N, C-alpha and C. Protein backbone atom coordinates (compact mmCIF):
# COMPACT_ATOMS: atom_id res chain seq x y z
N MET A 1 15.50 4.11 -6.95
CA MET A 1 14.77 2.87 -7.01
C MET A 1 15.13 2.09 -5.83
N ASN A 2 14.15 1.48 -5.22
CA ASN A 2 14.39 0.61 -4.12
C ASN A 2 14.47 -0.97 -4.64
N VAL A 3 15.74 -1.49 -4.67
CA VAL A 3 16.00 -2.64 -5.12
C VAL A 3 15.37 -3.82 -4.35
N ARG A 4 15.26 -3.59 -3.07
CA ARG A 4 14.50 -4.67 -2.11
C ARG A 4 13.03 -4.71 -2.53
N TRP A 5 12.37 -3.61 -2.75
CA TRP A 5 11.04 -3.64 -3.23
C TRP A 5 10.94 -4.18 -4.59
N LEU A 6 11.81 -3.86 -5.46
CA LEU A 6 11.74 -4.44 -6.78
C LEU A 6 11.76 -5.95 -6.77
N ARG A 7 12.65 -6.55 -5.93
CA ARG A 7 12.74 -7.88 -5.84
C ARG A 7 11.55 -8.50 -5.23
N LEU A 8 11.03 -7.93 -4.25
CA LEU A 8 9.91 -8.40 -3.54
C LEU A 8 8.45 -8.41 -4.35
N TYR A 9 8.33 -7.29 -5.13
CA TYR A 9 7.18 -6.91 -5.63
C TYR A 9 7.12 -6.73 -7.13
N ARG A 10 8.15 -7.28 -7.82
CA ARG A 10 8.35 -6.98 -9.28
C ARG A 10 7.16 -7.36 -10.04
N TYR A 11 6.41 -8.59 -9.66
CA TYR A 11 5.27 -9.10 -10.42
C TYR A 11 4.01 -8.95 -9.71
N GLU A 12 4.03 -8.01 -8.74
CA GLU A 12 2.80 -7.90 -7.79
C GLU A 12 2.06 -6.43 -8.01
N ILE A 13 2.50 -5.84 -9.06
CA ILE A 13 2.03 -4.43 -9.25
C ILE A 13 0.47 -4.40 -9.48
N PRO A 14 -0.26 -3.47 -8.92
CA PRO A 14 0.33 -2.39 -7.92
C PRO A 14 0.42 -3.01 -6.52
N VAL A 15 1.14 -2.45 -5.79
CA VAL A 15 1.45 -2.59 -4.36
C VAL A 15 1.37 -1.31 -3.62
N VAL A 16 0.47 -1.22 -2.57
CA VAL A 16 0.25 0.08 -1.96
C VAL A 16 0.65 -0.02 -0.50
N PHE A 17 1.49 0.90 0.01
CA PHE A 17 1.84 1.09 1.18
C PHE A 17 1.28 2.46 1.71
N LEU A 18 1.15 2.61 2.93
CA LEU A 18 0.62 3.93 3.55
C LEU A 18 1.38 4.03 4.89
N ASN A 19 2.23 4.90 4.91
CA ASN A 19 3.05 5.30 6.14
C ASN A 19 3.90 4.02 6.61
N GLY A 20 4.45 3.43 5.50
CA GLY A 20 5.26 2.24 5.56
C GLY A 20 4.54 0.87 5.93
N GLU A 21 3.26 0.99 5.85
CA GLU A 21 2.56 -0.27 6.32
C GLU A 21 1.75 -0.78 4.99
N TYR A 22 1.92 -1.98 4.81
CA TYR A 22 1.36 -2.73 3.57
C TYR A 22 -0.16 -2.67 3.61
N LEU A 23 -0.84 -2.30 2.66
CA LEU A 23 -2.38 -2.30 2.53
C LEU A 23 -2.83 -3.34 1.56
N CYS A 24 -2.26 -3.36 0.27
CA CYS A 24 -2.95 -4.38 -0.62
C CYS A 24 -1.96 -4.46 -1.77
N LYS A 25 -2.20 -5.53 -2.67
CA LYS A 25 -1.37 -5.63 -3.93
C LYS A 25 -2.37 -6.18 -4.98
N HIS A 26 -2.12 -6.16 -6.22
CA HIS A 26 -2.70 -6.68 -7.43
C HIS A 26 -3.90 -5.83 -7.69
N ALA A 27 -4.77 -5.41 -6.71
CA ALA A 27 -5.92 -4.56 -6.81
C ALA A 27 -6.04 -3.56 -5.73
N LEU A 28 -6.48 -2.45 -5.83
CA LEU A 28 -6.55 -1.48 -4.94
C LEU A 28 -7.72 -1.76 -4.10
N ASP A 29 -7.56 -1.87 -2.72
CA ASP A 29 -8.72 -2.17 -1.81
C ASP A 29 -9.21 -0.75 -1.36
N GLU A 30 -10.15 -0.14 -2.05
CA GLU A 30 -10.53 1.23 -1.81
C GLU A 30 -11.06 1.41 -0.46
N LEU A 31 -11.87 0.44 0.08
CA LEU A 31 -12.46 0.75 1.36
C LEU A 31 -11.36 0.68 2.57
N LEU A 32 -10.44 -0.17 2.38
CA LEU A 32 -9.30 -0.22 3.34
C LEU A 32 -8.43 1.11 3.16
N LEU A 33 -8.20 1.45 2.05
CA LEU A 33 -7.48 2.71 1.90
C LEU A 33 -8.17 3.96 2.54
N GLU A 34 -9.52 3.96 2.13
CA GLU A 34 -10.31 5.10 2.81
C GLU A 34 -10.30 5.02 4.23
N GLN A 35 -10.43 3.88 4.84
CA GLN A 35 -10.37 3.75 6.33
C GLN A 35 -9.22 4.18 6.92
N ARG A 36 -8.09 3.78 6.30
CA ARG A 36 -6.84 4.12 6.78
C ARG A 36 -6.50 5.69 6.70
N LEU A 37 -6.93 6.20 5.72
CA LEU A 37 -6.66 7.61 5.36
C LEU A 37 -7.64 8.42 6.49
N LYS A 38 -8.75 8.00 6.62
CA LYS A 38 -9.69 8.53 7.75
C LYS A 38 -8.95 8.59 9.16
N ALA A 39 -8.50 7.34 9.46
CA ALA A 39 -7.77 7.17 10.63
C ALA A 39 -6.57 8.10 10.84
N ILE A 40 -5.86 8.29 9.77
CA ILE A 40 -4.75 9.29 9.84
C ILE A 40 -5.26 10.75 9.97
N GLU A 41 -6.21 11.06 9.31
CA GLU A 41 -6.97 12.42 9.32
C GLU A 41 -7.43 12.72 10.75
N ASN A 42 -7.96 11.74 11.45
CA ASN A 42 -8.48 11.96 12.71
C ASN A 42 -7.57 11.90 13.94
N ARG A 43 -6.35 11.60 13.57
CA ARG A 43 -5.25 11.63 14.73
C ARG A 43 -4.90 13.10 15.19
């Protein structure tokens, strides 16, 4: 368990990071996630 993340995001679930970069919290931003995944795929 990452204690730092627990302290930062305990009440913010869900929190989504992709490759160490913050994407969203409280609700999944599907469009943003899809865009970031496509960008990774195209590299």
